[in-house]
């Protein structure tokens, strides 16, 4: 099973095709001591990050299974296993069709047949059935836009033998209005429709909470404020059952926040 350290870092350049930018960021994350670097499902850039570093695992958060053929994932995994064994964590999600569980299961069947082990895979699971699939056919789950209460419930589904990595928006500002504006950008993209919205509703948030990024929603699914307050908030997710908290730092023009977080959180 994939063993995750306590603090992961989500790429600040998830959609770039500039391999130099990707390599520089990956080396920086490794020097700072982050347990895992999480990138988008762009497989060539994933390869660039792995090959630029020596030890940090690089995960995809996520490869959308509805658009990326399993054969491409298999080829990338096999090539990196020959060169850098154990460095590629295959993060899968994005089964956006009428039968997402069947789509994901069929994709996992293809990976099984090619020898990509369940222990090297994580699923971007949100609902209870997808969490069960992550428990049964992967090393664990990688949810986003969730509360510590959700994490406790997900841990109960996954059990103690599976990993739980939680992606968390980190917003280094003490201005609530600025924090709301920063959170609104990813929420506009992810939480207006689809699985993330349904999961927020399952967690007890209302339609207006989601559409307006209410104070209640902002405080529940992000970490914002001064460094100590952010660190305390991250600790709440660990206490609830997360093995790893993956920091998506929305720092705008503020330099040095990844370094400050690494110094604060990583022994």
Protein backbone atom coordinates (compact mmCIF):
# COMPACT_ATOMS: atom_id res chain seq x y z
CA UNK A 1 0.00 0.00 0.00
CA UNK A 2 1.12 3.55 -0.72
CA UNK A 3 2.36 5.12 2.52
CA UNK A 4 1.76 8.86 2.64
CA UNK A 5 3.65 11.25 4.86
CA UNK A 6 1.75 13.94 6.75
CA UNK A 7 2.09 16.99 4.47
CA UNK A 8 1.65 17.03 0.71
CA UNK A 9 1.89 19.98 -1.65
CA UNK A 10 -0.45 20.61 -4.57
CA UNK A 11 1.32 22.13 -7.55
CA UNK A 12 1.00 25.86 -8.01
CA UNK A 13 1.31 25.27 -11.77
CA UNK A 14 -1.03 22.35 -12.40
CA UNK A 15 -1.84 23.13 -16.03
CA UNK A 16 1.50 24.26 -17.41
CA UNK A 17 3.21 22.40 -20.23
CA UNK A 18 6.57 23.97 -19.39
CA UNK A 19 8.74 21.09 -18.21
CA UNK A 20 11.33 23.51 -16.78
CA UNK A 21 8.73 25.12 -14.49
CA UNK A 22 7.51 21.68 -13.43
CA UNK A 23 11.01 20.40 -12.71
CA UNK A 24 11.96 23.48 -10.70
CA UNK A 25 8.82 23.25 -8.58
CA UNK A 26 9.31 19.52 -7.96
CA UNK A 27 12.91 20.00 -6.82
CA UNK A 28 11.82 22.86 -4.55
CA UNK A 29 9.06 20.74 -2.96
CA UNK A 30 11.55 17.95 -2.38
CA UNK A 31 14.09 20.31 -0.77
CA UNK A 32 11.41 21.70 1.55
CA UNK A 33 10.58 18.20 2.77
CA UNK A 34 7.01 17.78 1.55
CA UNK A 35 5.92 14.15 1.65
CA UNK A 36 4.26 14.14 -1.77
CA UNK A 37 3.89 16.50 -4.72
CA UNK A 38 0.43 16.35 -6.28
CA UNK A 39 0.10 17.42 -9.91
CA UNK A 40 -2.69 17.40 -12.46
CA UNK A 41 -3.35 14.42 -14.72
CA UNK A 42 -0.94 15.74 -17.39
CA UNK A 43 1.21 12.63 -17.76
CA UNK A 44 4.19 14.19 -19.59
CA UNK A 45 4.51 16.82 -16.84
CA UNK A 46 4.14 14.11 -14.21
CA UNK A 47 7.10 12.36 -15.79
CA UNK A 48 9.08 15.62 -15.80
CA UNK A 49 8.48 16.06 -12.06
CA UNK A 50 9.54 12.51 -11.22
CA UNK A 51 12.67 12.64 -13.36
CA UNK A 52 13.73 16.00 -11.92
CA UNK A 53 13.75 14.64 -8.36
CA UNK A 54 15.27 11.74 -6.47
CA UNK A 55 12.89 10.66 -3.72
CA UNK A 56 9.63 12.61 -3.40
CA UNK A 57 6.59 10.63 -4.59
CA UNK A 58 4.61 12.45 -7.28
CA UNK A 59 0.86 11.84 -7.45
CA UNK A 60 -1.75 12.79 -9.99
CA UNK A 61 -4.65 14.70 -8.55
CA UNK A 62 -6.29 13.57 -10.75
CA UNK A 63 -6.19 11.61 -14.01
CA UNK A 64 -9.73 11.87 -15.44
CA UNK A 65 -10.63 8.33 -16.44
CA UNK A 66 -13.35 9.46 -18.83
CA UNK A 67 -10.83 11.19 -21.08
CA UNK A 68 -7.37 9.64 -20.49
CA UNK A 69 -7.02 6.08 -21.85
CA UNK A 70 -5.85 3.49 -19.36
CA UNK A 71 -3.16 2.49 -21.87
CA UNK A 72 -1.50 5.90 -21.44
CA UNK A 73 -1.43 5.54 -17.65
CA UNK A 74 -0.07 2.01 -17.93
CA UNK A 75 2.73 3.08 -20.29
CA UNK A 76 3.74 5.97 -18.01
CA UNK A 77 3.62 3.82 -14.90
CA UNK A 78 5.70 1.04 -16.44
CA UNK A 79 8.33 3.45 -17.77
CA UNK A 80 8.70 5.22 -14.43
CA UNK A 81 8.77 1.95 -12.50
CA UNK A 82 11.77 0.88 -14.58
CA UNK A 83 13.58 4.17 -13.95
CA UNK A 84 12.24 5.44 -10.61
CA UNK A 85 10.34 2.63 -8.85
CA UNK A 86 7.68 3.63 -6.37
CA UNK A 87 7.70 7.31 -7.31
CA UNK A 88 4.41 7.56 -9.27
CA UNK A 89 1.16 7.46 -7.26
CA UNK A 90 -1.67 6.97 -9.74
CA UNK A 91 -4.49 9.28 -8.65
CA UNK A 92 -7.69 8.62 -10.57
CA UNK A 93 -11.08 10.33 -10.78
CA UNK A 94 -13.30 12.14 -13.21
CA UNK A 95 -15.70 9.33 -14.12
CA UNK A 96 -18.31 11.80 -15.36
CA UNK A 97 -20.90 9.62 -17.02
CA UNK A 98 -24.15 7.87 -16.15
CA UNK A 99 -22.38 4.94 -14.45
CA UNK A 100 -19.28 6.35 -12.70
CA UNK A 101 -18.70 3.32 -10.47
CA UNK A 102 -18.77 0.95 -13.43
CA UNK A 103 -16.53 3.26 -15.45
CA UNK A 104 -13.97 3.44 -12.67
CA UNK A 105 -14.16 -0.30 -12.01
CA UNK A 106 -13.56 -1.09 -15.67
CA UNK A 107 -10.59 1.27 -15.73
CA UNK A 108 -9.15 -0.41 -12.65
CA UNK A 109 -9.61 -3.78 -14.36
CA UNK A 110 -7.34 -2.57 -17.16
CA UNK A 111 -4.72 -1.42 -14.69
CA UNK A 112 -4.95 -4.74 -12.85
CA UNK A 113 -4.41 -6.67 -16.07
CA UNK A 114 -1.29 -4.63 -16.85
CA UNK A 115 0.20 -5.10 -13.39
CA UNK A 116 -0.38 -1.61 -11.98
CA UNK A 117 -0.98 -2.61 -8.35
CA UNK A 118 -3.83 -1.39 -6.19
CA UNK A 119 -1.26 -0.20 -3.67
CA UNK A 120 0.01 2.40 -6.15
CA UNK A 121 -3.44 3.88 -6.80
CA UNK A 122 -5.67 6.38 -5.01
CA UNK A 123 -9.17 7.45 -6.00
CA UNK A 124 -10.65 10.94 -5.81
CA UNK A 125 -13.57 9.46 -3.92
CA UNK A 126 -16.33 11.56 -2.37
CA UNK A 127 -19.53 9.57 -2.04
CA UNK A 128 -19.84 6.42 0.09
CA UNK A 129 -19.84 3.97 -2.81
CA UNK A 130 -16.72 5.47 -4.40
CA UNK A 131 -15.05 5.45 -0.98
CA UNK A 132 -15.84 1.74 -0.73
CA UNK A 133 -14.28 1.24 -4.16
CA UNK A 134 -11.18 3.13 -2.99
CA UNK A 135 -11.03 0.85 0.03
CA UNK A 136 -11.41 -2.32 -2.00
CA UNK A 137 -9.39 -1.56 -5.13
CA UNK A 138 -6.88 1.16 -4.30
CA UNK A 139 -4.58 2.27 -1.52
CA UNK A 140 -7.06 4.89 -0.38
CA UNK A 141 -8.88 8.10 -1.21
CA UNK A 142 -8.14 11.73 -2.12
CA UNK A 143 -11.15 13.96 -1.37
CA UNK A 144 -11.43 17.74 -1.75
CA UNK A 145 -13.80 20.41 -0.43
CA UNK A 146 -14.51 18.47 2.74
CA UNK A 147 -14.76 19.14 6.47
CA UNK A 148 -13.07 17.35 9.38
CA UNK A 149 -16.42 15.70 10.10
CA UNK A 150 -16.45 14.29 6.57
CA UNK A 151 -12.90 13.04 7.09
CA UNK A 152 -13.98 11.14 10.21
CA UNK A 153 -16.81 9.49 8.28
CA UNK A 154 -14.53 8.66 5.35
CA UNK A 155 -12.00 7.09 7.69
CA UNK A 156 -14.75 4.87 9.07
CA UNK A 157 -15.53 3.65 5.53
CA UNK A 158 -11.91 3.18 4.50
CA UNK A 159 -10.77 1.51 7.71
CA UNK A 160 -7.33 1.79 9.26
CA UNK A 161 -5.49 -0.02 6.47
CA UNK A 162 -6.14 2.53 3.73
CA UNK A 163 -4.64 5.96 3.18
CA UNK A 164 -6.64 9.17 3.29
CA UNK A 165 -5.11 12.27 1.72
CA UNK A 166 -7.22 15.42 1.97
CA UNK A 167 -6.71 18.34 -0.40
CA UNK A 168 -7.17 21.60 1.51
CA UNK A 169 -7.25 25.18 0.27
CA UNK A 170 -4.78 27.27 2.28
CA UNK A 171 -5.37 31.02 2.02
CA UNK A 172 -2.72 33.16 3.74
CA UNK A 173 -4.77 36.26 4.50
CA UNK A 174 -6.48 37.62 7.59
CA UNK A 175 -9.06 39.44 5.46
CA UNK A 176 -12.25 37.39 5.24
CA UNK A 177 -13.35 39.14 2.05
CA UNK A 178 -10.05 38.31 0.36
CA UNK A 179 -10.21 34.72 1.61
CA UNK A 180 -13.73 34.37 0.22
CA UNK A 181 -12.64 35.74 -3.16
CA UNK A 182 -9.72 33.30 -3.31
CA UNK A 183 -11.90 30.31 -2.43
CA UNK A 184 -14.61 31.37 -4.88
CA UNK A 185 -12.38 30.72 -7.90
CA UNK A 186 -11.98 26.94 -7.46
CA UNK A 187 -15.52 26.69 -6.09
CA UNK A 188 -16.91 28.36 -9.22
CA UNK A 189 -15.28 25.67 -11.30
CA UNK A 190 -15.88 22.62 -9.12
CA UNK A 191 -18.85 23.14 -6.85
CA UNK A 192 -21.54 24.67 -9.04
CA UNK A 193 -22.63 21.32 -10.44
CA UNK A 194 -21.69 17.67 -10.25
CA UNK A 195 -20.13 15.46 -7.63
CA UNK A 196 -18.45 18.15 -5.55
CA UNK A 197 -21.70 20.07 -5.21
CA UNK A 198 -23.59 16.92 -4.25
CA UNK A 199 -20.97 16.13 -1.66
CA UNK A 200 -21.16 19.61 -0.15
CA UNK A 201 -24.93 19.21 0.10
CA UNK A 202 -24.42 15.80 1.76
CA UNK A 203 -22.19 17.53 4.29
CA UNK A 204 -25.06 19.81 5.27
CA UNK A 205 -24.34 22.96 3.29
CA UNK A 206 -27.17 24.74 1.51
CA UNK A 207 -27.39 25.89 -2.09
CA UNK A 208 -26.88 29.53 -0.99
CA UNK A 209 -23.87 28.47 1.12
CA UNK A 210 -22.26 27.06 -2.00
CA UNK A 211 -23.30 29.73 -4.47
CA UNK A 212 -22.31 32.66 -2.26
CA UNK A 213 -19.34 31.06 -0.42
CA UNK A 214 -20.91 31.70 2.96
CA UNK A 215 -18.82 32.29 6.08
CA UNK A 216 -19.88 28.85 7.27
CA UNK A 217 -18.63 27.16 4.09
CA UNK A 218 -15.42 29.17 3.95
CA UNK A 219 -14.50 28.34 7.54
CA UNK A 220 -15.38 24.66 7.14
CA UNK A 221 -13.48 23.67 3.99
CA UNK A 222 -10.44 25.98 3.98
CA UNK A 223 -7.59 27.07 6.22
CA UNK A 224 -7.12 30.83 6.23
CA UNK A 225 -5.63 33.49 8.46
CA UNK A 226 -2.27 33.81 10.20
CA UNK A 227 0.25 30.98 10.03
CA UNK A 228 -0.57 29.60 13.49
CA UNK A 229 -4.28 29.57 12.75
CA UNK A 230 -3.66 27.76 9.46
CA UNK A 231 -1.47 25.20 11.22
CA UNK A 232 -4.16 24.59 13.85
CA UNK A 233 -6.73 24.12 11.12
CA UNK A 234 -4.56 21.57 9.31
CA UNK A 235 -4.15 19.72 12.60
CA UNK A 236 -7.93 19.37 12.82
CA UNK A 237 -7.91 17.31 9.61
CA UNK A 238 -5.13 15.09 10.92
CA UNK A 239 -7.03 14.59 14.16
CA UNK A 240 -10.14 13.64 12.21
CA UNK A 241 -8.31 10.82 10.44
CA UNK A 242 -6.38 12.24 7.48
CA UNK A 243 -3.01 10.58 6.90
CA UNK A 244 -1.90 13.46 4.72
CA UNK A 245 -3.15 17.00 4.27
CA UNK A 246 -2.31 18.28 0.81
CA UNK A 247 -1.84 22.04 0.78
CA UNK A 248 -3.28 23.96 -2.13
CA UNK A 249 -1.76 27.33 -1.33
CA UNK A 250 -3.76 30.19 -2.81
CA UNK A 251 -1.18 32.85 -2.10
CA UNK A 252 -1.75 35.32 -4.91
CA UNK A 253 1.20 37.71 -4.85
CA UNK A 254 2.47 36.70 -1.41
CA UNK A 255 5.91 35.10 -1.68
CA UNK A 256 7.38 32.49 0.60
CA UNK A 257 4.26 30.80 1.96
CA UNK A 258 5.23 27.30 0.92
CA UNK A 259 8.51 27.78 2.75
CA UNK A 260 6.77 29.13 5.87
CA UNK A 261 4.32 26.24 5.92
CA UNK A 262 7.08 23.70 5.44
CA UNK A 263 9.07 25.20 8.31
CA UNK A 264 6.00 25.20 10.55
CA UNK A 265 4.59 21.78 9.72
CA UNK A 266 7.49 19.56 8.74
CA UNK A 267 9.88 18.37 11.44
